[in-house]
Amino acid sequence: MYRFISKAKLPTAHGEFDIHVFENDEGQEHIMLSVGLPSQTDALPIVRVHSECLTGDAFSSLKCDCGPQLNAAMKAIQAHGTGAILYLRQEGRGIGLTNKIRAYALQDQGHDTLEANLLLGLPADARTYEMCKDMLASVGVTQVALMTNNPNKINDLTKHGIDVVKRIPLVVGVNPHNQDYLDVKEEKMGHMIHSE
């Protein structure tokens, strides 16, 4: 179970958010950026569940679409007026930064993102989403418009008691450096990238 620890205002290039910190008994931390929550209207909040990506979010890596997805979600939630980004500290689909860079080295040798993880003896995706319910419950959210291309997120959030009323596609940041990565997401991991 994750506990709310603290909250503050966070002005950003996309507008002001409330930044909330949550922590579990093992000291694992996750962040929620929210706008207009708890909501004073019947508007369905837009929610993005975003796994930490140092290379994409902070360093603007072109190997993935994470940075553009985070920025597009922040803009969309501000424009909508109510919603949240659950920023989960699950780097590299849950394998950690060091293993992610090891996987990058294998990708440099011609392996795709999925093959690289498996060659390292790691799962294709080690992320979990049980913390999302506690995080959203803290701002009174039980129903969401989920901004994702990943059907596993929809299934996992539903399994954990969050009502995903609709899906909002998030296809941004496509470039020649990440086209193969996106193809693997779609063809091998079932992501809905060209399904609209």
N, C-alpha and C. Protein backbone atom coordinates (compact mmCIF):
# COMPACT_ATOMS: atom_id res chain seq x y z
N MET A 1 0.83 -1.19 0.00
CA MET A 1 0.00 0.00 0.00
C MET A 1 0.87 1.25 0.00
N TYR A 2 0.49 2.21 -0.81
CA TYR A 2 1.22 3.47 -0.89
C TYR A 2 0.54 4.53 -0.07
N ARG A 3 1.36 5.30 0.66
CA ARG A 3 0.85 6.38 1.50
C ARG A 3 1.20 7.72 0.88
N PHE A 4 0.27 8.66 0.97
CA PHE A 4 0.54 10.04 0.59
C PHE A 4 1.53 10.63 1.59
N ILE A 5 2.58 11.30 1.09
CA ILE A 5 3.60 11.88 1.97
C ILE A 5 3.50 13.41 2.00
N SER A 6 3.47 14.04 0.82
CA SER A 6 3.46 15.50 0.79
C SER A 6 2.98 15.99 -0.57
N LYS A 7 2.59 17.28 -0.59
CA LYS A 7 2.09 17.90 -1.83
C LYS A 7 2.57 19.34 -1.88
N ALA A 8 2.83 19.83 -3.10
CA ALA A 8 3.24 21.23 -3.28
C ALA A 8 2.81 21.68 -4.68
N LYS A 9 2.89 22.97 -4.92
CA LYS A 9 2.63 23.53 -6.25
C LYS A 9 3.88 23.35 -7.11
N LEU A 10 3.67 23.04 -8.37
CA LEU A 10 4.80 22.88 -9.30
C LEU A 10 4.51 23.64 -10.58
N PRO A 11 5.05 24.85 -10.73
CA PRO A 11 4.90 25.56 -12.01
C PRO A 11 5.79 24.91 -13.06
N THR A 12 5.25 24.68 -14.25
CA THR A 12 6.01 24.05 -15.34
C THR A 12 5.81 24.84 -16.61
N ALA A 13 6.54 24.46 -17.64
CA ALA A 13 6.38 25.10 -18.95
C ALA A 13 4.98 24.88 -19.52
N HIS A 14 4.27 23.88 -19.00
CA HIS A 14 2.92 23.56 -19.50
C HIS A 14 1.82 24.08 -18.58
N GLY A 15 2.18 24.76 -17.50
CA GLY A 15 1.19 25.24 -16.55
C GLY A 15 1.49 24.71 -15.16
N GLU A 16 0.67 25.12 -14.20
CA GLU A 16 0.90 24.72 -12.81
C GLU A 16 0.21 23.41 -12.47
N PHE A 17 0.94 22.53 -11.84
CA PHE A 17 0.43 21.25 -11.35
C PHE A 17 0.57 21.21 -9.83
N ASP A 18 -0.20 20.34 -9.19
CA ASP A 18 0.08 19.93 -7.82
C ASP A 18 0.95 18.69 -7.93
N ILE A 19 2.07 18.68 -7.23
CA ILE A 19 2.94 17.50 -7.23
C ILE A 19 2.79 16.79 -5.89
N HIS A 20 2.44 15.50 -5.95
CA HIS A 20 2.19 14.68 -4.78
C HIS A 20 3.23 13.57 -4.73
N VAL A 21 3.72 13.27 -3.54
CA VAL A 21 4.67 12.17 -3.36
C VAL A 21 4.00 11.06 -2.56
N PHE A 22 4.18 9.83 -3.03
CA PHE A 22 3.66 8.64 -2.34
C PHE A 22 4.81 7.69 -2.08
N GLU A 23 4.70 6.93 -1.00
CA GLU A 23 5.77 6.00 -0.63
C GLU A 23 5.16 4.75 -0.01
N ASN A 24 5.81 3.60 -0.26
CA ASN A 24 5.35 2.37 0.38
C ASN A 24 6.28 1.98 1.53
N ASP A 25 6.03 0.85 2.15
CA ASP A 25 6.80 0.43 3.32
C ASP A 25 8.27 0.16 2.99
N GLU A 26 8.56 -0.13 1.73
CA GLU A 26 9.95 -0.39 1.31
C GLU A 26 10.68 0.89 0.90
N GLY A 27 10.00 2.03 1.01
CA GLY A 27 10.63 3.30 0.65
C GLY A 27 10.57 3.62 -0.84
N GLN A 28 9.84 2.85 -1.63
CA GLN A 28 9.69 3.15 -3.05
C GLN A 28 8.77 4.36 -3.20
N GLU A 29 9.19 5.31 -4.03
CA GLU A 29 8.45 6.55 -4.21
C GLU A 29 7.85 6.63 -5.61
N HIS A 30 6.67 7.20 -5.69
CA HIS A 30 6.06 7.53 -6.98
C HIS A 30 5.47 8.93 -6.87
N ILE A 31 5.29 9.55 -8.00
CA ILE A 31 4.85 10.95 -8.07
C ILE A 31 3.53 11.03 -8.82
N MET A 32 2.68 11.95 -8.38
CA MET A 32 1.48 12.29 -9.16
C MET A 32 1.50 13.79 -9.41
N LEU A 33 1.34 14.17 -10.67
CA LEU A 33 1.10 15.56 -11.04
C LEU A 33 -0.39 15.68 -11.33
N SER A 34 -1.07 16.61 -10.68
CA SER A 34 -2.51 16.71 -10.90
C SER A 34 -2.93 18.14 -11.17
N VAL A 35 -4.07 18.25 -11.85
CA VAL A 35 -4.71 19.53 -12.14
C VAL A 35 -6.21 19.36 -11.88
N GLY A 36 -6.79 20.30 -11.15
CA GLY A 36 -8.24 20.30 -10.96
C GLY A 36 -8.79 19.10 -10.21
N LEU A 37 -8.00 18.52 -9.31
CA LEU A 37 -8.44 17.36 -8.53
C LEU A 37 -8.27 17.63 -7.04
N PRO A 38 -9.19 17.21 -6.21
CA PRO A 38 -10.47 16.59 -6.58
C PRO A 38 -11.30 17.53 -7.45
N SER A 39 -12.03 16.94 -8.41
CA SER A 39 -12.76 17.73 -9.39
C SER A 39 -14.05 18.31 -8.81
N GLN A 40 -14.35 19.52 -9.23
CA GLN A 40 -15.60 20.17 -8.83
C GLN A 40 -16.67 20.02 -9.92
N THR A 41 -16.35 19.27 -10.98
CA THR A 41 -17.27 19.08 -12.09
C THR A 41 -17.47 17.59 -12.35
N ASP A 42 -18.32 17.28 -13.32
CA ASP A 42 -18.53 15.88 -13.72
C ASP A 42 -17.56 15.46 -14.82
N ALA A 43 -16.63 16.33 -15.18
CA ALA A 43 -15.70 16.01 -16.26
C ALA A 43 -14.85 14.79 -15.90
N LEU A 44 -14.71 13.89 -16.84
CA LEU A 44 -13.89 12.70 -16.64
C LEU A 44 -12.42 13.11 -16.68
N PRO A 45 -11.65 12.83 -15.63
CA PRO A 45 -10.25 13.24 -15.66
C PRO A 45 -9.44 12.44 -16.66
N ILE A 46 -8.53 13.13 -17.32
CA ILE A 46 -7.56 12.46 -18.19
C ILE A 46 -6.40 12.01 -17.30
N VAL A 47 -6.04 10.74 -17.42
CA VAL A 47 -4.94 10.20 -16.62
C VAL A 47 -3.92 9.55 -17.54
N ARG A 48 -2.66 9.86 -17.29
CA ARG A 48 -1.54 9.22 -17.97
C ARG A 48 -0.72 8.48 -16.93
N VAL A 49 -0.54 7.18 -17.10
CA VAL A 49 0.35 6.39 -16.24
C VAL A 49 1.67 6.32 -17.00
N HIS A 50 2.68 7.02 -16.49
CA HIS A 50 3.95 7.19 -17.21
C HIS A 50 5.09 6.62 -16.38
N SER A 51 5.79 5.65 -16.94
CA SER A 51 6.94 5.08 -16.24
C SER A 51 8.17 5.93 -16.49
N GLU A 52 8.91 6.15 -15.42
CA GLU A 52 10.11 6.98 -15.48
C GLU A 52 11.02 6.53 -16.62
N CYS A 53 11.54 7.52 -17.36
CA CYS A 53 12.50 7.25 -18.43
C CYS A 53 13.53 8.37 -18.41
N LEU A 54 14.62 8.18 -17.69
CA LEU A 54 15.63 9.22 -17.56
C LEU A 54 16.13 9.67 -18.93
N THR A 55 16.43 8.70 -19.79
CA THR A 55 17.01 9.05 -21.09
C THR A 55 16.03 9.84 -21.96
N GLY A 56 14.75 9.46 -21.92
CA GLY A 56 13.77 10.16 -22.74
C GLY A 56 13.21 11.41 -22.10
N ASP A 57 12.88 11.33 -20.79
CA ASP A 57 12.24 12.44 -20.10
C ASP A 57 13.21 13.58 -19.82
N ALA A 58 14.44 13.25 -19.40
CA ALA A 58 15.40 14.29 -19.00
C ALA A 58 16.41 14.63 -20.10
N PHE A 59 16.83 13.60 -20.87
CA PHE A 59 17.90 13.83 -21.84
C PHE A 59 17.39 13.94 -23.28
N SER A 60 16.07 13.87 -23.48
CA SER A 60 15.47 14.00 -24.81
C SER A 60 15.97 12.97 -25.80
N SER A 61 16.18 11.75 -25.32
CA SER A 61 16.61 10.67 -26.21
C SER A 61 15.61 10.47 -27.34
N LEU A 62 16.13 10.17 -28.52
CA LEU A 62 15.30 9.87 -29.68
C LEU A 62 15.08 8.37 -29.85
N LYS A 63 15.66 7.55 -28.96
CA LYS A 63 15.50 6.09 -29.06
C LYS A 63 14.11 5.64 -28.64
N CYS A 64 13.34 6.50 -27.95
CA CYS A 64 12.00 6.14 -27.49
C CYS A 64 11.05 7.31 -27.73
N ASP A 65 9.82 7.17 -27.30
CA ASP A 65 8.82 8.25 -27.45
C ASP A 65 8.39 8.79 -26.09
N CYS A 66 9.15 8.45 -25.03
CA CYS A 66 8.72 8.77 -23.66
C CYS A 66 8.66 10.26 -23.37
N GLY A 67 9.70 10.99 -23.70
CA GLY A 67 9.72 12.43 -23.44
C GLY A 67 8.56 13.14 -24.13
N PRO A 68 8.37 12.93 -25.44
CA PRO A 68 7.23 13.55 -26.11
C PRO A 68 5.88 13.12 -25.53
N GLN A 69 5.76 11.85 -25.10
CA GLN A 69 4.51 11.40 -24.49
C GLN A 69 4.24 12.15 -23.19
N LEU A 70 5.27 12.32 -22.36
CA LEU A 70 5.11 13.02 -21.09
C LEU A 70 4.67 14.47 -21.34
N ASN A 71 5.35 15.14 -22.25
CA ASN A 71 5.02 16.54 -22.54
C ASN A 71 3.63 16.68 -23.14
N ALA A 72 3.26 15.78 -24.04
CA ALA A 72 1.92 15.84 -24.65
C ALA A 72 0.84 15.60 -23.60
N ALA A 73 1.10 14.69 -22.66
CA ALA A 73 0.14 14.42 -21.59
C ALA A 73 -0.01 15.63 -20.68
N MET A 74 1.09 16.27 -20.34
CA MET A 74 1.02 17.47 -19.49
C MET A 74 0.19 18.56 -20.17
N LYS A 75 0.43 18.76 -21.46
CA LYS A 75 -0.34 19.77 -22.21
C LYS A 75 -1.82 19.42 -22.27
N ALA A 76 -2.12 18.16 -22.56
CA ALA A 76 -3.51 17.74 -22.72
C ALA A 76 -4.28 17.87 -21.41
N ILE A 77 -3.65 17.50 -20.30
CA ILE A 77 -4.32 17.57 -19.00
C ILE A 77 -4.55 19.02 -18.60
N GLN A 78 -3.58 19.88 -18.86
CA GLN A 78 -3.78 21.30 -18.58
C GLN A 78 -4.94 21.86 -19.42
N ALA A 79 -4.98 21.50 -20.70
CA ALA A 79 -6.04 22.01 -21.58
C ALA A 79 -7.41 21.50 -21.16
N HIS A 80 -7.46 20.26 -20.68
CA HIS A 80 -8.72 19.65 -20.25
C HIS A 80 -9.20 20.21 -18.91
N GLY A 81 -8.24 20.58 -18.05
CA GLY A 81 -8.57 21.20 -16.78
C GLY A 81 -8.71 20.26 -15.60
N THR A 82 -8.73 18.96 -15.85
CA THR A 82 -8.79 18.00 -14.75
C THR A 82 -8.12 16.69 -15.17
N GLY A 83 -7.19 16.24 -14.33
CA GLY A 83 -6.50 14.99 -14.65
C GLY A 83 -5.20 14.85 -13.88
N ALA A 84 -4.48 13.80 -14.20
CA ALA A 84 -3.25 13.50 -13.45
C ALA A 84 -2.29 12.68 -14.29
N ILE A 85 -1.02 12.87 -14.00
CA ILE A 85 0.04 12.00 -14.50
C ILE A 85 0.57 11.23 -13.30
N LEU A 86 0.49 9.91 -13.38
CA LEU A 86 1.10 9.07 -12.35
C LEU A 86 2.49 8.71 -12.87
N TYR A 87 3.49 9.34 -12.28
CA TYR A 87 4.88 9.16 -12.72
C TYR A 87 5.50 8.07 -11.85
N LEU A 88 5.55 6.87 -12.42
CA LEU A 88 5.97 5.69 -11.67
C LEU A 88 7.47 5.46 -11.84
N ARG A 89 8.14 5.24 -10.73
CA ARG A 89 9.59 5.08 -10.73
C ARG A 89 9.94 3.65 -11.12
N GLN A 90 9.68 3.33 -12.40
CA GLN A 90 9.89 1.97 -12.92
C GLN A 90 10.68 2.08 -14.22
N GLU A 91 11.90 2.56 -14.08
CA GLU A 91 12.78 2.82 -15.23
C GLU A 91 12.95 1.58 -16.10
N GLY A 92 12.95 1.80 -17.40
CA GLY A 92 13.23 0.70 -18.34
C GLY A 92 12.22 -0.43 -18.28
N ARG A 93 10.92 -0.07 -18.21
CA ARG A 93 9.85 -1.06 -18.05
C ARG A 93 10.07 -1.92 -16.80
N GLY A 94 10.67 -1.31 -15.79
CA GLY A 94 10.81 -1.99 -14.51
C GLY A 94 12.12 -2.73 -14.31
N ILE A 95 13.05 -2.66 -15.27
CA ILE A 95 14.31 -3.40 -15.12
C ILE A 95 15.42 -2.54 -14.51
N GLY A 96 15.20 -1.25 -14.39
CA GLY A 96 16.19 -0.36 -13.80
C GLY A 96 17.10 0.28 -14.84
N LEU A 97 17.73 1.37 -14.44
CA LEU A 97 18.55 2.16 -15.38
C LEU A 97 19.76 1.39 -15.89
N THR A 98 20.48 0.70 -14.99
CA THR A 98 21.69 -0.02 -15.41
C THR A 98 21.34 -1.09 -16.45
N ASN A 99 20.32 -1.88 -16.18
CA ASN A 99 19.93 -2.92 -17.14
C ASN A 99 19.38 -2.32 -18.42
N LYS A 100 18.73 -1.17 -18.32
CA LYS A 100 18.24 -0.51 -19.53
C LYS A 100 19.41 -0.12 -20.44
N ILE A 101 20.47 0.40 -19.87
CA ILE A 101 21.64 0.78 -20.68
C ILE A 101 22.32 -0.48 -21.23
N ARG A 102 22.35 -1.56 -20.45
CA ARG A 102 22.86 -2.83 -20.98
C ARG A 102 22.02 -3.29 -22.18
N ALA A 103 20.71 -3.12 -22.06
CA ALA A 103 19.83 -3.48 -23.18
C ALA A 103 20.08 -2.57 -24.38
N TYR A 104 20.34 -1.29 -24.13
CA TYR A 104 20.69 -0.37 -25.22
C TYR A 104 21.93 -0.87 -25.96
N ALA A 105 22.93 -1.36 -25.21
CA ALA A 105 24.16 -1.85 -25.83
C ALA A 105 23.86 -3.03 -26.75
N LEU A 106 22.95 -3.90 -26.33
CA LEU A 106 22.55 -5.02 -27.19
C LEU A 106 21.77 -4.52 -28.41
N GLN A 107 20.99 -3.47 -28.22
CA GLN A 107 20.27 -2.89 -29.37
C GLN A 107 21.26 -2.31 -30.37
N ASP A 108 22.36 -1.73 -29.86
CA ASP A 108 23.40 -1.20 -30.75
C ASP A 108 24.00 -2.31 -31.61
N GLN A 109 23.90 -3.57 -31.13
CA GLN A 109 24.42 -4.72 -31.88
C GLN A 109 23.37 -5.32 -32.82
N GLY A 110 22.18 -4.72 -32.86
CA GLY A 110 21.17 -5.18 -33.80
C GLY A 110 19.96 -5.88 -33.21
N HIS A 111 19.91 -6.06 -31.90
CA HIS A 111 18.76 -6.70 -31.27
C HIS A 111 17.66 -5.66 -31.04
N ASP A 112 16.39 -6.10 -31.08
CA ASP A 112 15.32 -5.16 -30.77
C ASP A 112 15.14 -5.05 -29.26
N THR A 113 14.27 -4.15 -28.82
CA THR A 113 14.12 -3.88 -27.39
C THR A 113 13.66 -5.10 -26.62
N LEU A 114 12.78 -5.87 -27.19
CA LEU A 114 12.28 -7.08 -26.51
C LEU A 114 13.37 -8.14 -26.43
N GLU A 115 14.05 -8.40 -27.55
CA GLU A 115 15.13 -9.39 -27.58
C GLU A 115 16.22 -9.03 -26.58
N ALA A 116 16.56 -7.74 -26.49
CA ALA A 116 17.64 -7.30 -25.59
C ALA A 116 17.31 -7.64 -24.14
N ASN A 117 16.08 -7.35 -23.72
CA ASN A 117 15.69 -7.69 -22.34
C ASN A 117 15.80 -9.19 -22.09
N LEU A 118 15.29 -9.97 -23.05
CA LEU A 118 15.28 -11.43 -22.88
C LEU A 118 16.69 -12.00 -22.88
N LEU A 119 17.59 -11.44 -23.70
CA LEU A 119 18.98 -11.89 -23.72
C LEU A 119 19.67 -11.63 -22.39
N LEU A 120 19.24 -10.60 -21.67
CA LEU A 120 19.79 -10.28 -20.36
C LEU A 120 19.14 -11.11 -19.25
N GLY A 121 18.21 -11.99 -19.64
CA GLY A 121 17.51 -12.81 -18.65
C GLY A 121 16.45 -12.03 -17.88
N LEU A 122 15.96 -10.95 -18.49
CA LEU A 122 14.98 -10.08 -17.84
C LEU A 122 13.63 -10.21 -18.52
N PRO A 123 12.55 -9.87 -17.82
CA PRO A 123 11.22 -9.92 -18.46
C PRO A 123 11.06 -8.83 -19.51
N ALA A 124 10.14 -9.05 -20.43
CA ALA A 124 9.85 -8.04 -21.44
C ALA A 124 9.31 -6.78 -20.78
N ASP A 125 8.53 -6.94 -19.74
CA ASP A 125 7.93 -5.81 -19.03
C ASP A 125 7.72 -6.22 -17.58
N ALA A 126 8.46 -5.58 -16.66
CA ALA A 126 8.39 -5.94 -15.24
C ALA A 126 7.58 -4.94 -14.42
N ARG A 127 6.89 -4.04 -15.10
CA ARG A 127 6.16 -3.01 -14.36
C ARG A 127 4.91 -3.56 -13.67
N THR A 128 4.52 -2.91 -12.58
CA THR A 128 3.29 -3.21 -11.89
C THR A 128 2.52 -1.90 -11.70
N TYR A 129 1.21 -2.02 -11.43
CA TYR A 129 0.37 -0.83 -11.38
C TYR A 129 -0.53 -0.80 -10.14
N GLU A 130 -0.21 -1.61 -9.13
CA GLU A 130 -1.08 -1.66 -7.96
C GLU A 130 -1.13 -0.33 -7.21
N MET A 131 -0.09 0.49 -7.33
CA MET A 131 -0.04 1.77 -6.62
C MET A 131 -1.01 2.80 -7.19
N CYS A 132 -1.45 2.60 -8.42
CA CYS A 132 -2.28 3.60 -9.09
C CYS A 132 -3.60 3.86 -8.38
N LYS A 133 -4.20 2.80 -7.85
CA LYS A 133 -5.50 2.97 -7.18
C LYS A 133 -5.37 3.88 -5.97
N ASP A 134 -4.35 3.63 -5.12
CA ASP A 134 -4.15 4.47 -3.93
C ASP A 134 -3.85 5.91 -4.32
N MET A 135 -3.03 6.09 -5.35
CA MET A 135 -2.66 7.44 -5.77
C MET A 135 -3.89 8.20 -6.25
N LEU A 136 -4.70 7.58 -7.11
CA LEU A 136 -5.88 8.25 -7.64
C LEU A 136 -6.95 8.44 -6.57
N ALA A 137 -7.08 7.47 -5.67
CA ALA A 137 -8.08 7.58 -4.60
C ALA A 137 -7.81 8.79 -3.71
N SER A 138 -6.54 9.18 -3.60
CA SER A 138 -6.20 10.32 -2.73
C SER A 138 -6.79 11.63 -3.24
N VAL A 139 -7.14 11.67 -4.53
CA VAL A 139 -7.78 12.87 -5.10
C VAL A 139 -9.19 12.55 -5.61
N GLY A 140 -9.76 11.47 -5.08
CA GLY A 140 -11.16 11.16 -5.36
C GLY A 140 -11.46 10.62 -6.75
N VAL A 141 -10.46 10.03 -7.41
CA VAL A 141 -10.65 9.55 -8.79
C VAL A 141 -10.83 8.03 -8.80
N THR A 142 -11.93 7.58 -9.39
CA THR A 142 -12.17 6.14 -9.58
C THR A 142 -12.44 5.81 -11.04
N GLN A 143 -12.77 6.83 -11.84
CA GLN A 143 -13.04 6.65 -13.28
C GLN A 143 -12.10 7.56 -14.06
N VAL A 144 -11.56 7.05 -15.16
CA VAL A 144 -10.57 7.83 -15.91
C VAL A 144 -10.75 7.68 -17.42
N ALA A 145 -10.28 8.71 -18.12
CA ALA A 145 -9.99 8.60 -19.54
C ALA A 145 -8.48 8.37 -19.60
N LEU A 146 -8.07 7.16 -19.93
CA LEU A 146 -6.66 6.78 -19.84
C LEU A 146 -5.94 7.10 -21.14
N MET A 147 -4.88 7.87 -21.02
CA MET A 147 -4.07 8.26 -22.17
C MET A 147 -2.97 7.22 -22.34
N THR A 148 -3.17 6.29 -23.28
CA THR A 148 -2.21 5.19 -23.45
C THR A 148 -2.39 4.53 -24.81
N ASN A 149 -1.33 3.83 -25.23
CA ASN A 149 -1.40 2.94 -26.39
C ASN A 149 -1.27 1.48 -25.95
N ASN A 150 -1.09 1.27 -24.65
CA ASN A 150 -0.75 -0.04 -24.11
C ASN A 150 -1.99 -0.73 -23.51
N PRO A 151 -2.50 -1.78 -24.15
CA PRO A 151 -3.69 -2.46 -23.62
C PRO A 151 -3.45 -3.09 -22.25
N ASN A 152 -2.19 -3.44 -21.92
CA ASN A 152 -1.90 -4.02 -20.61
C ASN A 152 -2.18 -3.03 -19.48
N LYS A 153 -1.95 -1.75 -19.73
CA LYS A 153 -2.25 -0.75 -18.71
C LYS A 153 -3.75 -0.68 -18.45
N ILE A 154 -4.53 -0.74 -19.51
CA ILE A 154 -5.99 -0.72 -19.35
C ILE A 154 -6.43 -1.92 -18.51
N ASN A 155 -5.93 -3.10 -18.87
CA ASN A 155 -6.30 -4.33 -18.16
C ASN A 155 -5.85 -4.29 -16.71
N ASP A 156 -4.61 -3.84 -16.47
CA ASP A 156 -4.08 -3.83 -15.11
C ASP A 156 -4.80 -2.81 -14.23
N LEU A 157 -5.07 -1.63 -14.75
CA LEU A 157 -5.79 -0.64 -13.95
C LEU A 157 -7.20 -1.12 -13.63
N THR A 158 -7.85 -1.74 -14.61
CA THR A 158 -9.19 -2.29 -14.39
C THR A 158 -9.15 -3.37 -13.31
N LYS A 159 -8.13 -4.24 -13.39
CA LYS A 159 -7.95 -5.31 -12.40
C LYS A 159 -7.77 -4.75 -10.99
N HIS A 160 -7.17 -3.56 -10.91
CA HIS A 160 -6.91 -2.94 -9.60
C HIS A 160 -8.03 -1.99 -9.18
N GLY A 161 -9.18 -2.06 -9.86
CA GLY A 161 -10.36 -1.33 -9.40
C GLY A 161 -10.54 0.07 -9.95
N ILE A 162 -9.81 0.42 -11.00
CA ILE A 162 -9.99 1.72 -11.64
C ILE A 162 -10.84 1.53 -12.89
N ASP A 163 -11.89 2.30 -13.01
CA ASP A 163 -12.81 2.20 -14.15
C ASP A 163 -12.26 3.02 -15.31
N VAL A 164 -11.70 2.33 -16.33
CA VAL A 164 -11.19 3.01 -17.52
C VAL A 164 -12.36 3.18 -18.48
N VAL A 165 -12.94 4.37 -18.47
CA VAL A 165 -14.15 4.66 -19.24
C VAL A 165 -13.83 4.77 -20.72
N LYS A 166 -12.68 5.35 -21.02
CA LYS A 166 -12.27 5.44 -22.43
C LYS A 166 -10.76 5.54 -22.52
N ARG A 167 -10.26 5.25 -23.72
CA ARG A 167 -8.82 5.35 -24.00
C ARG A 167 -8.57 6.52 -24.92
N ILE A 168 -7.53 7.29 -24.60
CA ILE A 168 -7.10 8.38 -25.47
C ILE A 168 -5.75 7.96 -26.06
N PRO A 169 -5.66 7.81 -27.38
CA PRO A 169 -4.37 7.43 -27.99
C PRO A 169 -3.31 8.50 -27.74
N LEU A 170 -2.05 8.08 -27.73
CA LEU A 170 -0.94 9.00 -27.50
C LEU A 170 0.22 8.61 -28.41
N VAL A 171 0.11 8.98 -29.68
CA VAL A 171 1.15 8.67 -30.65
C VAL A 171 1.85 9.97 -31.01
N VAL A 172 3.01 10.20 -30.38
CA VAL A 172 3.80 11.41 -30.61
C VAL A 172 5.28 11.03 -30.60
N GLY A 173 6.12 11.92 -31.08
CA GLY A 173 7.55 11.71 -30.99
C GLY A 173 8.12 10.63 -31.90
N VAL A 174 7.40 10.30 -32.96
CA VAL A 174 7.90 9.28 -33.90
C VAL A 174 9.04 9.89 -34.72
N ASN A 175 10.15 9.16 -34.82
CA ASN A 175 11.31 9.66 -35.59
C ASN A 175 12.10 8.46 -36.12
N PRO A 176 13.05 8.69 -37.02
CA PRO A 176 13.79 7.55 -37.60
C PRO A 176 14.55 6.71 -36.56
N HIS A 177 14.92 7.29 -35.43
CA HIS A 177 15.69 6.56 -34.41
C HIS A 177 14.82 5.62 -33.58
N ASN A 178 13.50 5.88 -33.53
CA ASN A 178 12.66 5.02 -32.69
C ASN A 178 11.60 4.24 -33.46
N GLN A 179 11.66 4.28 -34.77
CA GLN A 179 10.64 3.59 -35.56
C GLN A 179 10.64 2.08 -35.30
N ASP A 180 11.83 1.47 -35.23
CA ASP A 180 11.91 0.03 -34.95
C ASP A 180 11.36 -0.28 -33.54
N TYR A 181 11.69 0.58 -32.58
CA TYR A 181 11.20 0.43 -31.20
C TYR A 181 9.67 0.46 -31.17
N LEU A 182 9.08 1.39 -31.91
CA LEU A 182 7.62 1.49 -31.96
C LEU A 182 7.01 0.29 -32.68
N ASP A 183 7.69 -0.18 -33.73
CA ASP A 183 7.21 -1.36 -34.44
C ASP A 183 7.18 -2.59 -33.52
N VAL A 184 8.22 -2.74 -32.69
CA VAL A 184 8.27 -3.85 -31.74
C VAL A 184 7.14 -3.73 -30.72
N LYS A 185 6.91 -2.50 -30.23
CA LYS A 185 5.80 -2.28 -29.29
C LYS A 185 4.48 -2.76 -29.90
N GLU A 186 4.28 -2.42 -31.17
CA GLU A 186 3.01 -2.77 -31.81
C GLU A 186 2.94 -4.25 -32.19
N GLU A 187 3.99 -4.76 -32.84
CA GLU A 187 3.93 -6.09 -33.43
C GLU A 187 4.17 -7.21 -32.40
N LYS A 188 5.02 -6.95 -31.40
CA LYS A 188 5.36 -8.00 -30.44
C LYS A 188 4.71 -7.82 -29.07
N MET A 189 4.30 -6.57 -28.76
CA MET A 189 3.76 -6.30 -27.43
C MET A 189 2.31 -5.84 -27.45
N GLY A 190 1.74 -5.76 -28.65
CA GLY A 190 0.31 -5.48 -28.78
C GLY A 190 -0.13 -4.05 -28.57
N HIS A 191 0.82 -3.11 -28.59
CA HIS A 191 0.44 -1.71 -28.41
C HIS A 191 -0.39 -1.20 -29.59
N MET A 192 -1.31 -0.32 -29.30
CA MET A 192 -2.24 0.20 -30.32
C MET A 192 -1.69 1.50 -30.89
N ILE A 193 -0.77 1.40 -31.82
CA ILE A 193 -0.09 2.58 -32.35
C ILE A 193 -0.69 3.01 -33.69
N HIS A 194 -0.97 2.07 -34.55
CA HIS A 194 -1.57 2.41 -35.85
C HIS A 194 -3.00 1.92 -35.97
N SER A 195 -3.66 1.74 -34.83
CA SER A 195 -4.99 1.13 -34.86
C SER A 195 -6.13 2.14 -34.93
N GLU A 196 -5.78 3.44 -34.94
CA GLU A 196 -6.85 4.45 -34.95
C GLU A 196 -7.39 4.65 -36.35
